[in-house]
Amino acid sequence: GRSVHTILEAGVGFVPEDRTIEGL
């Protein structure tokens, strides 16, 4: 239920499956 920003700040690193759309 938390936002993406909050999850990133909580210490999660994410390499998405589609780098061109979601990663860069």
mmCIF file of all heavy atoms, coordinates in Angstrom:
data_MODEL
# 
_entry.id   MODEL 
# 
loop_
_atom_site.group_PDB 
_atom_site.id 
_atom_site.type_symbol 
_atom_site.label_atom_id 
_atom_site.label_alt_id 
_atom_site.label_comp_id 
_atom_site.label_asym_id 
_atom_site.label_entity_id 
_atom_site.label_seq_id 
_atom_site.pdbx_PDB_ins_code 
_atom_site.Cartn_x 
_atom_site.Cartn_y 
_atom_site.Cartn_z 
_atom_site.occupancy 
_atom_site.B_iso_or_equiv 
_atom_site.pdbx_formal_charge 
_atom_site.auth_seq_id 
_atom_site.auth_comp_id 
_atom_site.auth_asym_id 
_atom_site.auth_atom_id 
_atom_site.pdbx_PDB_model_num 
ATOM 1   N N   . GLY A 1 1  ? 0.795  -1.228 0.000   1.00 0.00 ? 1  GLY A N   1 
ATOM 2   C CA  . GLY A 1 1  ? 0.000  0.000  0.000   1.00 0.00 ? 1  GLY A CA  1 
ATOM 3   C C   . GLY A 1 1  ? 0.824  1.273  0.000   1.00 0.00 ? 1  GLY A C   1 
ATOM 4   O O   . GLY A 1 1  ? 0.265  2.370  -0.096  1.00 0.00 ? 1  GLY A O   1 
ATOM 5   N N   . ARG A 1 2  ? 2.144  1.141  0.118   1.00 0.00 ? 2  ARG A N   1 
ATOM 6   C CA  . ARG A 1 2  ? 3.003  2.331  0.100   1.00 0.00 ? 2  ARG A CA  1 
ATOM 7   C C   . ARG A 1 2  ? 3.321  2.743  -1.331  1.00 0.00 ? 2  ARG A C   1 
ATOM 8   O O   . ARG A 1 2  ? 3.229  1.960  -2.267  1.00 0.00 ? 2  ARG A O   1 
ATOM 9   C CB  . ARG A 1 2  ? 4.304  2.058  0.874   1.00 0.00 ? 2  ARG A CB  1 
ATOM 10  C CG  . ARG A 1 2  ? 4.097  1.615  2.315   1.00 0.00 ? 2  ARG A CG  1 
ATOM 11  C CD  . ARG A 1 2  ? 3.437  2.690  3.155   1.00 0.00 ? 2  ARG A CD  1 
ATOM 12  N NE  . ARG A 1 2  ? 3.227  2.265  4.523   1.00 0.00 ? 2  ARG A NE  1 
ATOM 13  C CZ  . ARG A 1 2  ? 4.110  2.392  5.511   1.00 0.00 ? 2  ARG A CZ  1 
ATOM 14  N NH1 . ARG A 1 2  ? 5.297  2.917  5.260   1.00 0.00 ? 2  ARG A NH1 1 
ATOM 15  N NH2 . ARG A 1 2  ? 3.815  1.986  6.735   1.00 0.00 ? 2  ARG A NH2 1 
ATOM 16  N N   . SER A 1 3  ? 3.741  3.984  -1.503  1.00 0.00 ? 3  SER A N   1 
ATOM 17  C CA  . SER A 1 3  ? 4.099  4.484  -2.830  1.00 0.00 ? 3  SER A CA  1 
ATOM 18  C C   . SER A 1 3  ? 5.451  3.915  -3.265  1.00 0.00 ? 3  SER A C   1 
ATOM 19  O O   . SER A 1 3  ? 6.241  3.429  -2.445  1.00 0.00 ? 3  SER A O   1 
ATOM 20  C CB  . SER A 1 3  ? 4.185  6.009  -2.809  1.00 0.00 ? 3  SER A CB  1 
ATOM 21  O OG  . SER A 1 3  ? 5.289  6.430  -2.012  1.00 0.00 ? 3  SER A OG  1 
ATOM 22  N N   . VAL A 1 4  ? 5.700  3.992  -4.557  1.00 0.00 ? 4  VAL A N   1 
ATOM 23  C CA  . VAL A 1 4  ? 6.991  3.539  -5.086  1.00 0.00 ? 4  VAL A CA  1 
ATOM 24  C C   . VAL A 1 4  ? 8.124  4.313  -4.416  1.00 0.00 ? 4  VAL A C   1 
ATOM 25  O O   . VAL A 1 4  ? 9.153  3.735  -4.024  1.00 0.00 ? 4  VAL A O   1 
ATOM 26  C CB  . VAL A 1 4  ? 7.046  3.712  -6.614  1.00 0.00 ? 4  VAL A CB  1 
ATOM 27  C CG1 . VAL A 1 4  ? 8.437  3.340  -7.149  1.00 0.00 ? 4  VAL A CG1 1 
ATOM 28  C CG2 . VAL A 1 4  ? 5.982  2.869  -7.283  1.00 0.00 ? 4  VAL A CG2 1 
ATOM 29  N N   . HIS A 1 5  ? 7.953  5.609  -4.267  1.00 0.00 ? 5  HIS A N   1 
ATOM 30  C CA  . HIS A 1 5  ? 8.988  6.444  -3.652  1.00 0.00 ? 5  HIS A CA  1 
ATOM 31  C C   . HIS A 1 5  ? 9.282  5.985  -2.220  1.00 0.00 ? 5  HIS A C   1 
ATOM 32  O O   . HIS A 1 5  ? 10.448 5.886  -1.814  1.00 0.00 ? 5  HIS A O   1 
ATOM 33  C CB  . HIS A 1 5  ? 8.551  7.909  -3.659  1.00 0.00 ? 5  HIS A CB  1 
ATOM 34  C CG  . HIS A 1 5  ? 9.577  8.855  -3.116  1.00 0.00 ? 5  HIS A CG  1 
ATOM 35  N ND1 . HIS A 1 5  ? 10.719 9.179  -3.804  1.00 0.00 ? 5  HIS A ND1 1 
ATOM 36  C CD2 . HIS A 1 5  ? 9.632  9.545  -1.931  1.00 0.00 ? 5  HIS A CD2 1 
ATOM 37  C CE1 . HIS A 1 5  ? 11.443 10.022 -3.088  1.00 0.00 ? 5  HIS A CE1 1 
ATOM 38  N NE2 . HIS A 1 5  ? 10.799 10.258 -1.956  1.00 0.00 ? 5  HIS A NE2 1 
ATOM 39  N N   . THR A 1 6  ? 8.238  5.691  -1.466  1.00 0.00 ? 6  THR A N   1 
ATOM 40  C CA  . THR A 1 6  ? 8.420  5.231  -0.087  1.00 0.00 ? 6  THR A CA  1 
ATOM 41  C C   . THR A 1 6  ? 9.140  3.889  -0.053  1.00 0.00 ? 6  THR A C   1 
ATOM 42  O O   . THR A 1 6  ? 10.009 3.654  0.797   1.00 0.00 ? 6  THR A O   1 
ATOM 43  C CB  . THR A 1 6  ? 7.056  5.111  0.613   1.00 0.00 ? 6  THR A CB  1 
ATOM 44  O OG1 . THR A 1 6  ? 6.416  6.388  0.618   1.00 0.00 ? 6  THR A OG1 1 
ATOM 45  C CG2 . THR A 1 6  ? 7.218  4.619  2.048   1.00 0.00 ? 6  THR A CG2 1 
ATOM 46  N N   . ILE A 1 7  ? 8.790  3.001  -0.991  1.00 0.00 ? 7  ILE A N   1 
ATOM 47  C CA  . ILE A 1 7  ? 9.430  1.687  -1.030  1.00 0.00 ? 7  ILE A CA  1 
ATOM 48  C C   . ILE A 1 7  ? 10.907 1.815  -1.382  1.00 0.00 ? 7  ILE A C   1 
ATOM 49  O O   . ILE A 1 7  ? 11.764 1.148  -0.788  1.00 0.00 ? 7  ILE A O   1 
ATOM 50  C CB  . ILE A 1 7  ? 8.682  0.780  -2.033  1.00 0.00 ? 7  ILE A CB  1 
ATOM 51  C CG1 . ILE A 1 7  ? 7.282  0.445  -1.484  1.00 0.00 ? 7  ILE A CG1 1 
ATOM 52  C CG2 . ILE A 1 7  ? 9.466  -0.496 -2.320  1.00 0.00 ? 7  ILE A CG2 1 
ATOM 53  C CD1 . ILE A 1 7  ? 6.376  -0.236 -2.481  1.00 0.00 ? 7  ILE A CD1 1 
ATOM 54  N N   . LEU A 1 8  ? 11.225 2.691  -2.328  1.00 0.00 ? 8  LEU A N   1 
ATOM 55  C CA  . LEU A 1 8  ? 12.636 2.927  -2.654  1.00 0.00 ? 8  LEU A CA  1 
ATOM 56  C C   . LEU A 1 8  ? 13.379 3.487  -1.449  1.00 0.00 ? 8  LEU A C   1 
ATOM 57  O O   . LEU A 1 8  ? 14.504 3.058  -1.135  1.00 0.00 ? 8  LEU A O   1 
ATOM 58  C CB  . LEU A 1 8  ? 12.751 3.889  -3.832  1.00 0.00 ? 8  LEU A CB  1 
ATOM 59  C CG  . LEU A 1 8  ? 12.274 3.369  -5.198  1.00 0.00 ? 8  LEU A CG  1 
ATOM 60  C CD1 . LEU A 1 8  ? 12.260 4.499  -6.220  1.00 0.00 ? 8  LEU A CD1 1 
ATOM 61  C CD2 . LEU A 1 8  ? 13.162 2.230  -5.686  1.00 0.00 ? 8  LEU A CD2 1 
ATOM 62  N N   . GLU A 1 9  ? 12.759 4.429  -0.732  1.00 0.00 ? 9  GLU A N   1 
ATOM 63  C CA  . GLU A 1 9  ? 13.401 5.021  0.444   1.00 0.00 ? 9  GLU A CA  1 
ATOM 64  C C   . GLU A 1 9  ? 13.567 4.008  1.575   1.00 0.00 ? 9  GLU A C   1 
ATOM 65  O O   . GLU A 1 9  ? 14.464 4.146  2.410   1.00 0.00 ? 9  GLU A O   1 
ATOM 66  C CB  . GLU A 1 9  ? 12.586 6.213  0.946   1.00 0.00 ? 9  GLU A CB  1 
ATOM 67  C CG  . GLU A 1 9  ? 12.739 7.470  0.089   1.00 0.00 ? 9  GLU A CG  1 
ATOM 68  C CD  . GLU A 1 9  ? 12.198 8.700  0.795   1.00 0.00 ? 9  GLU A CD  1 
ATOM 69  O OE1 . GLU A 1 9  ? 11.228 8.543  1.583   1.00 0.00 ? 9  GLU A OE1 1 
ATOM 70  O OE2 . GLU A 1 9  ? 12.730 9.804  0.579   1.00 0.00 ? 9  GLU A OE2 1 
ATOM 71  N N   . ALA A 1 10 ? 12.711 2.984  1.590   1.00 0.00 ? 10 ALA A N   1 
ATOM 72  C CA  . ALA A 1 10 ? 12.810 1.946  2.619   1.00 0.00 ? 10 ALA A CA  1 
ATOM 73  C C   . ALA A 1 10 ? 13.994 1.016  2.396   1.00 0.00 ? 10 ALA A C   1 
ATOM 74  O O   . ALA A 1 10 ? 14.313 0.195  3.262   1.00 0.00 ? 10 ALA A O   1 
ATOM 75  C CB  . ALA A 1 10 ? 11.515 1.139  2.675   1.00 0.00 ? 10 ALA A CB  1 
ATOM 76  N N   . GLY A 1 11 ? 14.640 1.143  1.225   1.00 0.00 ? 11 GLY A N   1 
ATOM 77  C CA  . GLY A 1 11 ? 15.842 0.350  0.978   1.00 0.00 ? 11 GLY A CA  1 
ATOM 78  C C   . GLY A 1 11 ? 15.679 -0.744 -0.051  1.00 0.00 ? 11 GLY A C   1 
ATOM 79  O O   . GLY A 1 11 ? 16.354 -1.776 0.034   1.00 0.00 ? 11 GLY A O   1 
ATOM 80  N N   . VAL A 1 12 ? 14.815 -0.522 -1.036  1.00 0.00 ? 12 VAL A N   1 
ATOM 81  C CA  . VAL A 1 12 ? 14.614 -1.510 -2.093  1.00 0.00 ? 12 VAL A CA  1 
ATOM 82  C C   . VAL A 1 12 ? 15.212 -0.990 -3.396  1.00 0.00 ? 12 VAL A C   1 
ATOM 83  O O   . VAL A 1 12 ? 14.910 0.126  -3.828  1.00 0.00 ? 12 VAL A O   1 
ATOM 84  C CB  . VAL A 1 12 ? 13.115 -1.824 -2.294  1.00 0.00 ? 12 VAL A CB  1 
ATOM 85  C CG1 . VAL A 1 12 ? 12.935 -2.867 -3.406  1.00 0.00 ? 12 VAL A CG1 1 
ATOM 86  C CG2 . VAL A 1 12 ? 12.484 -2.321 -0.997  1.00 0.00 ? 12 VAL A CG2 1 
ATOM 87  N N   . GLY A 1 13 ? 16.062 -1.797 -4.005  1.00 0.00 ? 13 GLY A N   1 
ATOM 88  C CA  . GLY A 1 13 ? 16.588 -1.500 -5.331  1.00 0.00 ? 13 GLY A CA  1 
ATOM 89  C C   . GLY A 1 13 ? 15.848 -2.342 -6.350  1.00 0.00 ? 13 GLY A C   1 
ATOM 90  O O   . GLY A 1 13 ? 15.545 -3.509 -6.093  1.00 0.00 ? 13 GLY A O   1 
ATOM 91  N N   . PHE A 1 14 ? 15.564 -1.763 -7.525  1.00 0.00 ? 14 PHE A N   1 
ATOM 92  C CA  . PHE A 1 14 ? 14.710 -2.448 -8.485  1.00 0.00 ? 14 PHE A CA  1 
ATOM 93  C C   . PHE A 1 14 ? 15.283 -2.348 -9.889  1.00 0.00 ? 14 PHE A C   1 
ATOM 94  O O   . PHE A 1 14 ? 15.465 -1.254 -10.434 1.00 0.00 ? 14 PHE A O   1 
ATOM 95  C CB  . PHE A 1 14 ? 13.306 -1.820 -8.449  1.00 0.00 ? 14 PHE A CB  1 
ATOM 96  C CG  . PHE A 1 14 ? 12.302 -2.469 -9.368  1.00 0.00 ? 14 PHE A CG  1 
ATOM 97  C CD1 . PHE A 1 14 ? 12.206 -3.845 -9.467  1.00 0.00 ? 14 PHE A CD1 1 
ATOM 98  C CD2 . PHE A 1 14 ? 11.455 -1.684 -10.139 1.00 0.00 ? 14 PHE A CD2 1 
ATOM 99  C CE1 . PHE A 1 14 ? 11.277 -4.450 -10.308 1.00 0.00 ? 14 PHE A CE1 1 
ATOM 100 C CE2 . PHE A 1 14 ? 10.513 -2.266 -10.992 1.00 0.00 ? 14 PHE A CE2 1 
ATOM 101 C CZ  . PHE A 1 14 ? 10.418 -3.649 -11.071 1.00 0.00 ? 14 PHE A CZ  1 
ATOM 102 N N   . VAL A 1 15 ? 15.577 -3.502 -10.483 1.00 0.00 ? 15 VAL A N   1 
ATOM 103 C CA  . VAL A 1 15 ? 15.968 -3.589 -11.886 1.00 0.00 ? 15 VAL A CA  1 
ATOM 104 C C   . VAL A 1 15 ? 14.759 -4.152 -12.631 1.00 0.00 ? 15 VAL A C   1 
ATOM 105 O O   . VAL A 1 15 ? 14.467 -5.337 -12.553 1.00 0.00 ? 15 VAL A O   1 
ATOM 106 C CB  . VAL A 1 15 ? 17.185 -4.512 -12.081 1.00 0.00 ? 15 VAL A CB  1 
ATOM 107 C CG1 . VAL A 1 15 ? 17.553 -4.608 -13.567 1.00 0.00 ? 15 VAL A CG1 1 
ATOM 108 C CG2 . VAL A 1 15 ? 18.371 -4.009 -11.275 1.00 0.00 ? 15 VAL A CG2 1 
ATOM 109 N N   . PRO A 1 16 ? 13.997 -3.307 -13.355 1.00 0.00 ? 16 PRO A N   1 
ATOM 110 C CA  . PRO A 1 16 ? 12.759 -3.768 -13.989 1.00 0.00 ? 16 PRO A CA  1 
ATOM 111 C C   . PRO A 1 16 ? 13.029 -4.636 -15.209 1.00 0.00 ? 16 PRO A C   1 
ATOM 112 O O   . PRO A 1 16 ? 14.128 -4.608 -15.776 1.00 0.00 ? 16 PRO A O   1 
ATOM 113 C CB  . PRO A 1 16 ? 12.055 -2.465 -14.387 1.00 0.00 ? 16 PRO A CB  1 
ATOM 114 C CG  . PRO A 1 16 ? 13.168 -1.497 -14.576 1.00 0.00 ? 16 PRO A CG  1 
ATOM 115 C CD  . PRO A 1 16 ? 14.244 -1.878 -13.595 1.00 0.00 ? 16 PRO A CD  1 
ATOM 116 N N   . GLU A 1 17 ? 12.014 -5.407 -15.617 1.00 0.00 ? 17 GLU A N   1 
ATOM 117 C CA  . GLU A 1 17 ? 12.226 -6.339 -16.720 1.00 0.00 ? 17 GLU A CA  1 
ATOM 118 C C   . GLU A 1 17 ? 12.315 -5.636 -18.072 1.00 0.00 ? 17 GLU A C   1 
ATOM 119 O O   . GLU A 1 17 ? 12.864 -6.199 -19.017 1.00 0.00 ? 17 GLU A O   1 
ATOM 120 C CB  . GLU A 1 17 ? 11.137 -7.405 -16.746 1.00 0.00 ? 17 GLU A CB  1 
ATOM 121 C CG  . GLU A 1 17 ? 9.732  -6.931 -17.005 1.00 0.00 ? 17 GLU A CG  1 
ATOM 122 C CD  . GLU A 1 17 ? 8.745  -8.086 -17.011 1.00 0.00 ? 17 GLU A CD  1 
ATOM 123 O OE1 . GLU A 1 17 ? 8.622  -8.791 -15.994 1.00 0.00 ? 17 GLU A OE1 1 
ATOM 124 O OE2 . GLU A 1 17 ? 8.097  -8.279 -18.041 1.00 0.00 ? 17 GLU A OE2 1 
ATOM 125 N N   . ASP A 1 18 ? 11.797 -4.429 -18.184 1.00 0.00 ? 18 ASP A N   1 
ATOM 126 C CA  . ASP A 1 18 ? 11.897 -3.673 -19.434 1.00 0.00 ? 18 ASP A CA  1 
ATOM 127 C C   . ASP A 1 18 ? 12.653 -2.382 -19.160 1.00 0.00 ? 18 ASP A C   1 
ATOM 128 O O   . ASP A 1 18 ? 12.094 -1.393 -18.709 1.00 0.00 ? 18 ASP A O   1 
ATOM 129 C CB  . ASP A 1 18 ? 10.506 -3.363 -19.994 1.00 0.00 ? 18 ASP A CB  1 
ATOM 130 C CG  . ASP A 1 18 ? 10.555 -2.799 -21.418 1.00 0.00 ? 18 ASP A CG  1 
ATOM 131 O OD1 . ASP A 1 18 ? 11.567 -2.151 -21.749 1.00 0.00 ? 18 ASP A OD1 1 
ATOM 132 O OD2 . ASP A 1 18 ? 9.600  -3.020 -22.176 1.00 0.00 ? 18 ASP A OD2 1 
ATOM 133 N N   . ARG A 1 19 ? 13.935 -2.405 -19.444 1.00 0.00 ? 19 ARG A N   1 
ATOM 134 C CA  . ARG A 1 19 ? 14.784 -1.261 -19.100 1.00 0.00 ? 19 ARG A CA  1 
ATOM 135 C C   . ARG A 1 19 ? 14.435 -0.014 -19.897 1.00 0.00 ? 19 ARG A C   1 
ATOM 136 O O   . ARG A 1 19 ? 14.561 1.097  -19.402 1.00 0.00 ? 19 ARG A O   1 
ATOM 137 C CB  . ARG A 1 19 ? 16.256 -1.611 -19.307 1.00 0.00 ? 19 ARG A CB  1 
ATOM 138 C CG  . ARG A 1 19 ? 16.596 -2.027 -20.724 1.00 0.00 ? 19 ARG A CG  1 
ATOM 139 C CD  . ARG A 1 19 ? 18.064 -2.394 -20.893 1.00 0.00 ? 19 ARG A CD  1 
ATOM 140 N NE  . ARG A 1 19 ? 18.283 -3.061 -22.165 1.00 0.00 ? 19 ARG A NE  1 
ATOM 141 C CZ  . ARG A 1 19 ? 18.232 -4.366 -22.327 1.00 0.00 ? 19 ARG A CZ  1 
ATOM 142 N NH1 . ARG A 1 19 ? 17.964 -5.143 -21.300 1.00 0.00 ? 19 ARG A NH1 1 
ATOM 143 N NH2 . ARG A 1 19 ? 18.431 -4.917 -23.509 1.00 0.00 ? 19 ARG A NH2 1 
ATOM 144 N N   . THR A 1 20 ? 13.993 -0.189 -21.154 1.00 0.00 ? 20 THR A N   1 
ATOM 145 C CA  . THR A 1 20 ? 13.757 0.974  -22.000 1.00 0.00 ? 20 THR A CA  1 
ATOM 146 C C   . THR A 1 20 ? 12.514 1.746  -21.582 1.00 0.00 ? 20 THR A C   1 
ATOM 147 O O   . THR A 1 20 ? 12.455 2.972  -21.736 1.00 0.00 ? 20 THR A O   1 
ATOM 148 C CB  . THR A 1 20 ? 13.621 0.562  -23.476 1.00 0.00 ? 20 THR A CB  1 
ATOM 149 O OG1 . THR A 1 20 ? 12.556 -0.389 -23.600 1.00 0.00 ? 20 THR A OG1 1 
ATOM 150 C CG2 . THR A 1 20 ? 14.910 -0.072 -23.969 1.00 0.00 ? 20 THR A CG2 1 
ATOM 151 N N   . ILE A 1 21 ? 11.502 1.041  -21.051 1.00 0.00 ? 21 ILE A N   1 
ATOM 152 C CA  . ILE A 1 21 ? 10.265 1.701  -20.648 1.00 0.00 ? 21 ILE A CA  1 
ATOM 153 C C   . ILE A 1 21 ? 10.269 2.058  -19.171 1.00 0.00 ? 21 ILE A C   1 
ATOM 154 O O   . ILE A 1 21 ? 9.857  3.143  -18.770 1.00 0.00 ? 21 ILE A O   1 
ATOM 155 C CB  . ILE A 1 21 ? 9.048  0.800  -20.976 1.00 0.00 ? 21 ILE A CB  1 
ATOM 156 C CG1 . ILE A 1 21 ? 8.920  0.618  -22.494 1.00 0.00 ? 21 ILE A CG1 1 
ATOM 157 C CG2 . ILE A 1 21 ? 7.752  1.390  -20.402 1.00 0.00 ? 21 ILE A CG2 1 
ATOM 158 C CD1 . ILE A 1 21 ? 7.818  -0.332 -22.910 1.00 0.00 ? 21 ILE A CD1 1 
ATOM 159 N N   . GLU A 1 22 ? 10.759 1.145  -18.325 1.00 0.00 ? 22 GLU A N   1 
ATOM 160 C CA  . GLU A 1 22 ? 10.642 1.318  -16.877 1.00 0.00 ? 22 GLU A CA  1 
ATOM 161 C C   . GLU A 1 22 ? 11.951 1.653  -16.189 1.00 0.00 ? 22 GLU A C   1 
ATOM 162 O O   . GLU A 1 22 ? 11.942 2.115  -15.052 1.00 0.00 ? 22 GLU A O   1 
ATOM 163 C CB  . GLU A 1 22 ? 10.081 0.034  -16.250 1.00 0.00 ? 22 GLU A CB  1 
ATOM 164 C CG  . GLU A 1 22 ? 8.705  -0.349 -16.783 1.00 0.00 ? 22 GLU A CG  1 
ATOM 165 C CD  . GLU A 1 22 ? 8.285  -1.736 -16.329 1.00 0.00 ? 22 GLU A CD  1 
ATOM 166 O OE1 . GLU A 1 22 ? 9.149  -2.642 -16.311 1.00 0.00 ? 22 GLU A OE1 1 
ATOM 167 O OE2 . GLU A 1 22 ? 7.112  -1.911 -15.985 1.00 0.00 ? 22 GLU A OE2 1 
ATOM 168 N N   . GLY A 1 23 ? 13.090 1.420  -16.859 1.00 0.00 ? 23 GLY A N   1 
ATOM 169 C CA  . GLY A 1 23 ? 14.367 1.561  -16.179 1.00 0.00 ? 23 GLY A CA  1 
ATOM 170 C C   . GLY A 1 23 ? 15.133 2.818  -16.498 1.00 0.00 ? 23 GLY A C   1 
ATOM 171 O O   . GLY A 1 23 ? 15.909 3.311  -15.673 1.00 0.00 ? 23 GLY A O   1 
ATOM 172 N N   . LEU A 1 24 ? 14.922 3.354  -17.698 1.00 0.00 ? 24 LEU A N   1 
ATOM 173 C CA  . LEU A 1 24 ? 15.719 4.483  -18.155 1.00 0.00 ? 24 LEU A CA  1 
ATOM 174 C C   . LEU A 1 24 ? 14.850 5.534  -18.830 1.00 0.00 ? 24 LEU A C   1 
ATOM 175 O O   . LEU A 1 24 ? 13.761 5.232  -19.318 1.00 0.00 ? 24 LEU A O   1 
ATOM 176 C CB  . LEU A 1 24 ? 16.770 4.020  -19.174 1.00 0.00 ? 24 LEU A CB  1 
ATOM 177 C CG  . LEU A 1 24 ? 17.887 3.098  -18.706 1.00 0.00 ? 24 LEU A CG  1 
ATOM 178 C CD1 . LEU A 1 24 ? 18.620 2.550  -19.921 1.00 0.00 ? 24 LEU A CD1 1 
ATOM 179 C CD2 . LEU A 1 24 ? 18.843 3.814  -17.779 1.00 0.00 ? 24 LEU A CD2 1 
# 
